[in-house]
Amino acid sequence: MSYFAALGWPLEEPMPAWRRKIVTASANCAGFVLLMLGFRIRVKGWKNAAKAKDLGAIGLFNHSSWVDAVVIMFLFAPSGVSKESNAHLPLIGMCIRSFQNIYVSRGSIEGEKRKAGIESVSEKIAKRAKDGRFPMLFMAPEGTCGDGRCVLRFRSGAFVPGVPVLPVVLSYNKRHHNPAWTIMNEGWHFVRMCCQFDNAVDVEVLPPYVPSKEEKVSPSLYAKNVQKLYAKTLNLPMSDQSQEEFRALVNRGVGVSWDGRKVVAPEGVVNSNGFVDLTSSTPKKSE
């Protein structure tokens, strides 16, 4: 259905009501798919979403599984920030376009874009967040999937505009199988998840977080404080690792066995304590 909603419609223009209704209906279909996979979605704080919409807030969610995006799509039918290549996928690309995402090229450099007079991703995010004609924009500030046992470092992209954010906190039932989508055999992971009939996910929509003056001028401070809020809500530790460390591990040949039970790596990469030294493989973090 979403394919026809996007057919022939420019990505940069807000959709008329009838097209948007088709997108919302297709998002409801995502809820049916989750139900067939055994997912029971329990939501708290739903009234906070309406407040956030009035504030022009950006929605945030903690990222640990491919299921996260489907849950958010079902509940909010939002726009998102996606890889530019996704827009060109056969059939699915048009469906993704119907949500009117902001597309990001992995090789783009913000500074060079500004010099060329091209609108940066941060500027697009800020502009979209304040335009009530579009659906709410949602992002995963961790930038990659974690294992659900900690809160990864938040990237500053969602916080550069300095607008309020809507924290949406996801937590999964992990009694038998953790749905976290990290370094693994994807096929075996999916089979195990389908064999777990109770895949409950709790969704807590927190009150909109309005940044202070200090947070507005310091996206890193803003990101850090919201990360602390997530860690407190989930009762999980904070981690200073994110996508850069993940890529460094993959580049060093670190992975897991097909059944996900043990770490595998080339000889000498993992030390006797089970750690990998990534100091020379990741960029220094700016304060």
Foldseek 3Di string as FASTA:
>chain_A
DLLVLQPPPDLVDQGPPVSVVVLLVVLLVLVVVCVLLQEDEAEAPPVQVVVCLVQLAAEEEAAFAPVVVSVCCNPFVAAEEEAPVLCVPPPSNSSNSSNSHHHDHPPDDQVVCVVVVHQGPLNVLLVNSPDSSHGHYYYHQLAAHDQQQAGEQGHLSSQQSQTWYKYKYKDWDPPPHRNGDAFAQVVLSSVVSSVPNHTYMYIYTDHIGHDDPVCNVPSNVVRVVVSVVRCVVSVHYYHHDGDQVSVLCVVQVWGAPRNRPGIDGPPPQADPVRDGDCPVRGDDDDD
